[in-house]
Amino acid sequence: MRASFYLGQLIWRWTSGPQWDTNSSFAALGYEDRISEVEQSLKITAKMLQVQVEVIKRKIGSEIDIVTGELNKYVEKTGELIEKELKKLESRTDDLVFSLVSLENCGLLTKEELMSKKNLDDIGKDVVLNEIITLTRETVAKEIEKHAGDGIGRVDYALGSGGAKVLRHSDPYVYGKAHKILEPSAGEPGQCFPLRGSSGFVEIRLREGIIPEAISLEHVSKRVAYDRSSAPKNCRVSGWLEPPEDGPSAKAIKRFALTNFSYDLEKSNVQTFAIPMVGSGIIINIVRLDFTSNHGSSSFTCIYRIRVHGYMPSSPVSYGRVSSSYPGEIEAAQVRA
């Protein structure tokens, strides 16, 4: 600005001539004072502007920090919620897998059955969660209905309340408990018929003559048992048709080997074994279970319950000597104790 003023003075002198010189010193002093004031004012204004800019910058920075902090908190909170939901979903998935495995292990639902019900050819394909839950509920409902029907949902012709009774048995470990094997079990340890040693037998008269299909043997569940070494292990089953106690005797009646099996402690406490001769039309009303070993006890073997399944013949039962010969026919001496 001083340079501009100096140039202005020179121009003024050239144009005004000698008249300018008389007041030049006073005029210069006035202009310089005003210029100094303007410069001082500009400096103050610049400093004020700089201060305001700094204040605005700090305010904007503070607002940005606040917004950034809130945004980070929101993102962190949202991330935690998402992580919790993912963990819940993972837990539900694990529970579902465990439930399906449990159903398969219990024999309620196999992987093949699941896939066939959903019309899936490839076992590796995913099944919608809701469909699995629905199918599982249906399966569980069927199992509840089955267990409401005496646990396995099959007619028991060896049920004591239905007219069956124990005829003979080997040496008992505790007397007076033979009827236990023909009664529904509450699953309590010790509520059984103990027979002395690791081998023995029981003979049961069924409520009526039937064509046998299967036999079920029950022991205490591993979930509540103190010791299951007294469970029968290797067993064989035979049967024959015997006239009523008040009817004519028929000593020459043939006996039939129905099936052999091993009771497995790792499976369900109620295990059912099919009788292969079901198609031969053999009619029996006496069943004999022989066990030749147990799962470790040398003192006694416990039988909790025996069930015999089958169906009634279409024609009336004819008692007397059996003249027919069937596969599996054995002599009486082989099944006598």
Protein backbone atom coordinates (compact mmCIF):
# COMPACT_ATOMS: atom_id res chain seq x y z
CA MET A 1 0.00 0.00 0.00
CA ARG A 2 2.87 2.39 0.76
CA ALA A 3 4.27 1.75 -2.68
CA SER A 4 0.91 2.66 -4.18
CA PHE A 5 0.79 5.78 -2.06
CA TYR A 6 4.29 6.80 -3.11
CA LEU A 7 3.41 6.34 -6.75
CA GLY A 8 0.28 8.38 -6.18
CA GLN A 9 2.34 11.23 -4.67
CA LEU A 10 4.68 11.30 -7.65
CA ILE A 11 1.78 11.44 -10.07
CA TRP A 12 0.16 14.18 -8.05
CA ARG A 13 3.37 16.22 -8.04
CA TRP A 14 3.76 15.92 -11.75
CA THR A 15 0.19 16.99 -12.39
CA SER A 16 -0.14 19.66 -9.68
CA GLY A 17 3.26 21.33 -9.96
CA PRO A 18 4.49 23.71 -7.21
CA GLN A 19 1.11 24.04 -5.45
CA TRP A 20 1.41 20.57 -4.06
CA ASP A 21 4.73 21.19 -2.31
CA THR A 22 3.29 23.74 0.16
CA ASN A 23 1.08 21.18 1.91
CA SER A 24 2.91 18.01 0.96
CA SER A 25 4.45 17.33 4.33
CA PHE A 26 1.17 17.69 6.20
CA ALA A 27 -0.74 15.63 3.68
CA ALA A 28 1.83 12.86 3.78
CA LEU A 29 1.65 12.67 7.54
CA GLY A 30 -2.17 12.41 7.43
CA TYR A 31 -2.10 9.71 4.83
CA GLU A 32 0.52 7.72 6.72
CA ASP A 33 -1.54 7.84 9.93
CA ARG A 34 -4.63 6.63 8.15
CA ILE A 35 -2.66 3.92 6.38
CA SER A 36 -1.23 2.79 9.73
CA GLU A 37 -4.70 2.65 11.24
CA VAL A 38 -5.99 0.63 8.31
CA GLU A 39 -3.05 -1.75 8.58
CA GLN A 40 -3.63 -2.18 12.32
CA SER A 41 -7.33 -2.76 11.73
CA LEU A 42 -6.58 -5.33 9.05
CA LYS A 43 -4.17 -7.14 11.36
CA ILE A 44 -6.75 -7.27 14.14
CA THR A 45 -9.43 -8.44 11.74
CA ALA A 46 -7.11 -11.14 10.38
CA LYS A 47 -6.33 -12.34 13.90
CA MET A 48 -10.03 -12.43 14.78
CA LEU A 49 -10.79 -14.33 11.62
CA GLN A 50 -7.98 -16.76 12.38
CA VAL A 51 -9.30 -17.27 15.91
CA GLN A 52 -12.83 -17.84 14.60
CA VAL A 53 -11.53 -20.26 12.00
CA GLU A 54 -9.67 -22.17 14.73
CA VAL A 55 -12.81 -22.22 16.90
CA ILE A 56 -14.89 -23.48 13.99
CA LYS A 57 -12.27 -26.10 13.16
CA ARG A 58 -12.19 -27.30 16.78
CA LYS A 59 -15.99 -27.33 16.92
CA ILE A 60 -16.26 -29.26 13.68
CA GLY A 61 -13.54 -31.65 14.86
CA SER A 62 -15.36 -32.15 18.16
CA GLU A 63 -18.65 -32.78 16.36
CA ILE A 64 -16.94 -35.24 14.03
CA ASP A 65 -15.40 -37.03 17.03
CA ILE A 66 -18.79 -37.24 18.73
CA VAL A 67 -20.52 -38.53 15.60
CA THR A 68 -17.66 -40.97 14.95
CA GLY A 69 -17.81 -42.22 18.54
CA GLU A 70 -21.58 -42.69 18.39
CA LEU A 71 -21.27 -44.44 15.04
CA ASN A 72 -18.55 -46.74 16.41
CA LYS A 73 -20.71 -47.53 19.46
CA TYR A 74 -23.69 -48.28 17.21
CA VAL A 75 -21.59 -50.49 14.95
CA GLU A 76 -20.10 -52.26 17.97
CA LYS A 77 -23.52 -52.76 19.57
CA THR A 78 -25.00 -53.97 16.30
CA GLY A 79 -22.06 -56.32 15.84
CA GLU A 80 -22.60 -57.74 19.33
CA LEU A 81 -26.30 -58.28 18.62
CA ILE A 82 -25.52 -59.97 15.31
CA GLU A 83 -22.91 -62.15 17.04
CA LYS A 84 -25.43 -63.13 19.73
CA GLU A 85 -28.03 -64.01 17.11
CA LEU A 86 -25.47 -66.03 15.17
CA LYS A 87 -24.54 -67.89 18.36
CA LYS A 88 -28.23 -68.58 19.02
CA LEU A 89 -28.64 -69.85 15.48
CA GLU A 90 -25.51 -71.97 15.81
CA SER A 91 -26.79 -73.34 19.12
CA ARG A 92 -30.18 -74.16 17.57
CA THR A 93 -28.42 -75.85 14.67
CA ASP A 94 -26.27 -77.89 17.06
CA ASP A 95 -29.36 -78.81 19.10
CA LEU A 96 -31.18 -79.83 15.94
CA VAL A 97 -28.27 -81.97 14.76
CA PHE A 98 -28.06 -83.56 18.21
CA SER A 99 -31.81 -84.20 18.23
CA LEU A 100 -31.68 -85.83 14.80
CA VAL A 101 -28.73 -87.99 15.89
CA SER A 102 -30.60 -88.92 19.07
CA LEU A 103 -33.70 -89.81 17.07
CA GLU A 104 -31.58 -91.95 14.77
CA ASN A 105 -29.79 -93.63 17.69
CA CYS A 106 -33.12 -94.34 19.37
CA GLY A 107 -34.45 -95.87 16.18
CA LEU A 108 -37.11 -93.18 15.82
CA LEU A 109 -35.87 -91.58 12.62
CA THR A 110 -33.03 -92.57 10.34
CA LYS A 111 -31.31 -90.30 7.85
CA GLU A 112 -32.69 -92.43 5.01
CA GLU A 113 -36.24 -92.05 6.36
CA LEU A 114 -35.78 -88.31 6.67
CA MET A 115 -34.56 -87.99 3.11
CA SER A 116 -37.25 -90.29 1.70
CA LYS A 117 -39.99 -88.35 3.48
CA LYS A 118 -38.73 -85.11 1.95
CA ASN A 119 -38.29 -86.69 -1.52
CA LEU A 120 -34.57 -86.00 -1.63
CA ASP A 121 -32.35 -88.29 -3.62
CA ASP A 122 -29.11 -86.68 -2.50
CA ILE A 123 -28.42 -87.12 1.20
CA GLY A 124 -26.11 -84.11 1.11
CA LYS A 125 -28.91 -81.65 0.27
CA ASP A 126 -30.07 -79.26 2.96
CA VAL A 127 -33.54 -79.64 4.41
CA VAL A 128 -35.47 -76.58 5.52
CA LEU A 129 -35.37 -76.20 9.29
CA ASN A 130 -39.14 -75.91 9.65
CA GLU A 131 -39.66 -79.11 7.67
CA ILE A 132 -37.25 -80.98 9.93
CA ILE A 133 -38.99 -79.62 13.03
CA THR A 134 -42.40 -80.63 11.66
CA LEU A 135 -41.19 -84.10 10.76
CA THR A 136 -39.53 -84.50 14.16
CA ARG A 137 -42.73 -83.47 15.93
CA GLU A 138 -44.71 -86.01 13.92
CA THR A 139 -42.19 -88.73 14.75
CA VAL A 140 -42.15 -87.84 18.45
CA ALA A 141 -45.96 -87.78 18.52
CA LYS A 142 -46.03 -91.27 17.01
CA GLU A 143 -43.49 -92.47 19.57
CA ILE A 144 -45.53 -90.98 22.42
CA GLU A 145 -48.60 -92.79 21.09
CA LYS A 146 -46.56 -95.98 20.80
CA HIS A 147 -45.24 -95.73 24.36
CA ALA A 148 -48.72 -95.01 25.62
CA GLY A 149 -49.54 -98.43 24.16
CA ASP A 150 -47.28 -100.40 26.58
CA GLY A 151 -44.04 -98.89 25.34
CA ILE A 152 -43.60 -100.63 21.99
CA GLY A 153 -47.09 -100.53 20.54
CA ARG A 154 -47.53 -104.31 20.10
CA VAL A 155 -50.00 -106.74 21.65
CA ASP A 156 -48.43 -108.75 24.48
CA TYR A 157 -49.85 -112.27 24.87
CA ALA A 158 -47.61 -112.87 27.90
CA LEU A 159 -49.24 -110.14 29.99
CA GLY A 160 -50.23 -111.35 33.44
CA SER A 161 -53.34 -109.19 33.67
CA GLY A 162 -54.43 -110.65 30.31
CA GLY A 163 -54.37 -114.24 31.60
CA ALA A 164 -50.75 -115.35 31.10
CA LYS A 165 -48.78 -116.92 33.95
CA VAL A 166 -45.38 -118.38 34.80
CA LEU A 167 -45.49 -122.19 34.84
CA ARG A 168 -41.91 -123.17 35.65
CA HIS A 169 -38.53 -121.57 36.18
CA SER A 170 -35.02 -122.37 37.32
CA ASP A 171 -33.79 -121.84 40.89
CA PRO A 172 -34.79 -118.32 42.00
CA TYR A 173 -32.42 -116.00 43.82
CA VAL A 174 -35.40 -114.39 45.57
CA TYR A 175 -38.68 -116.28 45.91
CA GLY A 176 -42.14 -114.95 45.13
CA LYS A 177 -41.24 -112.59 42.29
CA ALA A 178 -41.95 -114.71 39.21
CA HIS A 179 -45.05 -112.64 38.41
CA LYS A 180 -42.85 -109.56 37.87
CA ILE A 181 -41.83 -110.69 34.38
CA LEU A 182 -45.47 -110.59 33.22
CA GLU A 183 -46.25 -107.10 34.50
CA PRO A 184 -45.59 -103.64 33.06
CA SER A 185 -42.31 -102.37 34.46
CA ALA A 186 -42.00 -98.96 36.08
CA GLY A 187 -38.33 -98.94 35.15
CA GLU A 188 -37.15 -99.03 38.77
CA PRO A 189 -33.90 -100.90 39.51
CA GLY A 190 -34.52 -104.16 41.35
CA GLN A 191 -38.15 -104.61 40.25
CA CYS A 192 -37.39 -107.90 38.51
CA PHE A 193 -37.40 -111.69 38.89
CA PRO A 194 -33.84 -112.75 39.89
CA LEU A 195 -32.75 -116.30 39.02
CA ARG A 196 -29.70 -117.85 40.64
CA GLY A 197 -26.48 -117.99 38.62
CA SER A 198 -25.67 -116.89 35.08
CA SER A 199 -27.90 -119.44 33.32
CA GLY A 200 -31.47 -120.56 33.76
CA PHE A 201 -34.95 -120.56 32.22
CA VAL A 202 -38.59 -119.52 32.57
CA GLU A 203 -41.68 -121.08 31.00
CA ILE A 204 -44.78 -118.97 30.39
CA ARG A 205 -48.29 -119.98 29.43
CA LEU A 206 -49.73 -117.36 27.10
CA ARG A 207 -53.28 -116.10 27.45
CA GLU A 208 -54.22 -118.16 24.37
CA GLY A 209 -52.75 -120.00 21.42
CA ILE A 210 -51.12 -117.70 18.86
CA ILE A 211 -48.88 -117.74 15.82
CA PRO A 212 -45.74 -116.09 17.27
CA GLU A 213 -44.03 -113.19 15.49
CA ALA A 214 -41.54 -111.81 18.00
CA ILE A 215 -40.40 -111.77 21.60
CA SER A 216 -39.34 -108.74 23.65
CA LEU A 217 -36.94 -108.83 26.58
CA GLU A 218 -36.73 -105.91 28.98
CA HIS A 219 -34.06 -104.92 31.50
CA VAL A 220 -33.55 -101.74 33.54
CA SER A 221 -32.51 -98.66 31.57
CA LYS A 222 -28.84 -97.66 31.70
CA ARG A 223 -29.94 -94.14 32.66
CA VAL A 224 -31.19 -95.28 36.09
CA ALA A 225 -29.38 -98.57 36.70
CA TYR A 226 -26.74 -98.96 39.40
CA ASP A 227 -25.34 -102.12 37.81
CA ARG A 228 -26.54 -103.98 34.72
CA SER A 229 -24.21 -106.96 34.90
CA SER A 230 -27.21 -109.13 35.87
CA ALA A 231 -28.89 -108.65 32.47
CA PRO A 232 -29.31 -111.85 30.38
CA LYS A 233 -26.97 -112.05 27.41
CA ASN A 234 -27.19 -115.10 25.13
CA CYS A 235 -30.72 -116.46 24.94
CA ARG A 236 -32.78 -118.99 23.02
CA VAL A 237 -36.55 -119.21 22.78
CA SER A 238 -38.68 -122.30 22.20
CA GLY A 239 -42.42 -122.84 22.17
CA TRP A 240 -45.11 -125.43 21.88
CA LEU A 241 -48.85 -125.95 22.11
CA GLU A 242 -50.00 -127.46 25.38
CA PRO A 243 -53.61 -128.30 26.29
CA PRO A 244 -55.31 -126.45 29.14
CA GLU A 245 -54.44 -127.58 32.64
CA ASP A 246 -57.88 -129.11 33.04
CA GLY A 247 -57.86 -130.66 29.55
CA PRO A 248 -56.59 -134.03 28.26
CA SER A 249 -52.83 -134.57 28.46
CA ALA A 250 -50.70 -134.74 25.35
CA LYS A 251 -47.20 -135.72 26.42
CA ALA A 252 -45.98 -136.33 22.88
CA ILE A 253 -46.32 -132.64 21.95
CA LYS A 254 -43.41 -131.36 19.87
CA ARG A 255 -41.44 -128.29 20.80
CA PHE A 256 -40.06 -125.76 18.36
CA ALA A 257 -36.91 -123.67 18.47
CA LEU A 258 -38.24 -120.21 17.69
CA THR A 259 -35.19 -117.93 17.81
CA ASN A 260 -31.79 -117.19 19.34
CA PHE A 261 -30.57 -113.71 20.28
CA SER A 262 -28.16 -111.70 22.40
CA TYR A 263 -29.37 -108.87 24.62
CA ASP A 264 -27.20 -105.80 23.93
CA LEU A 265 -26.62 -103.37 26.82
CA GLU A 266 -25.78 -100.55 24.38
CA LYS A 267 -29.24 -100.61 22.79
CA SER A 268 -32.69 -99.79 24.15
CA ASN A 269 -33.64 -101.40 27.46
CA VAL A 270 -36.62 -103.03 25.67
CA GLN A 271 -35.32 -105.12 22.76
CA THR A 272 -37.58 -107.01 20.35
CA PHE A 273 -36.40 -110.04 18.38
CA ALA A 274 -38.25 -111.46 15.38
CA ILE A 275 -39.21 -115.12 15.13
CA PRO A 276 -38.20 -116.35 11.64
CA MET A 277 -40.73 -119.20 11.69
CA VAL A 278 -43.70 -116.84 11.64
CA GLY A 279 -44.64 -117.94 8.12
CA SER A 280 -44.78 -121.63 9.01
CA GLY A 281 -48.12 -121.33 10.80
CA ILE A 282 -46.93 -122.86 14.09
CA ILE A 283 -49.41 -122.31 16.91
CA ILE A 284 -48.09 -122.12 20.47
CA ASN A 285 -49.37 -121.22 23.90
CA ILE A 286 -46.21 -122.01 25.90
CA VAL A 287 -42.99 -120.05 25.54
CA ARG A 288 -39.70 -120.95 27.18
CA LEU A 289 -36.77 -118.55 27.48
CA ASP A 290 -33.38 -120.11 28.22
CA PHE A 291 -30.42 -117.84 28.97
CA THR A 292 -26.96 -119.38 28.90
CA SER A 293 -25.01 -116.33 30.10
CA ASN A 294 -25.39 -112.83 31.49
CA HIS A 295 -23.34 -109.63 31.39
CA GLY A 296 -21.00 -110.42 34.26
CA SER A 297 -22.85 -111.24 37.46
CA SER A 298 -21.98 -114.64 38.92
CA SER A 299 -24.64 -114.47 41.64
CA PHE A 300 -27.89 -113.99 39.75
CA THR A 301 -29.57 -112.97 36.50
CA CYS A 302 -32.47 -110.49 36.50
CA ILE A 303 -35.41 -110.63 34.12
CA TYR A 304 -37.57 -107.52 34.24
CA ARG A 305 -40.18 -108.46 31.67
CA ILE A 306 -40.86 -110.87 28.82
CA ARG A 307 -43.39 -110.08 26.10
CA VAL A 308 -44.60 -112.37 23.34
CA HIS A 309 -46.09 -110.90 20.16
CA GLY A 310 -48.05 -112.54 17.38
CA TYR A 311 -51.58 -112.98 16.13
CA MET A 312 -54.45 -115.36 16.69
CA PRO A 313 -54.97 -118.14 14.13
CA SER A 314 -57.98 -117.90 11.86
CA SER A 315 -59.25 -121.38 12.86
CA PRO A 316 -59.83 -122.72 16.39
CA VAL A 317 -56.79 -124.21 18.12
CA SER A 318 -56.70 -128.02 18.14
CA TYR A 319 -54.83 -129.42 21.15
CA GLY A 320 -53.09 -132.77 21.14
CA ARG A 321 -50.12 -134.43 19.47
CA VAL A 322 -48.55 -132.35 16.73
CA SER A 323 -48.25 -134.58 13.69
CA SER A 324 -46.74 -131.99 11.38
CA SER A 325 -43.02 -131.51 11.11
CA TYR A 326 -41.59 -127.99 10.83
CA PRO A 327 -38.11 -126.58 10.46
CA GLY A 328 -36.83 -125.86 13.95
CA GLU A 329 -38.66 -128.79 15.58
CA ILE A 330 -36.79 -130.03 18.66
CA GLU A 331 -37.28 -132.85 21.11
CA ALA A 332 -38.74 -132.22 24.54
CA ALA A 333 -35.54 -133.28 26.27
CA GLN A 334 -33.68 -130.36 24.71
CA VAL A 335 -35.83 -127.77 26.43
CA ARG A 336 -36.40 -129.43 29.78
CA ALA A 337 -34.36 -127.97 32.64
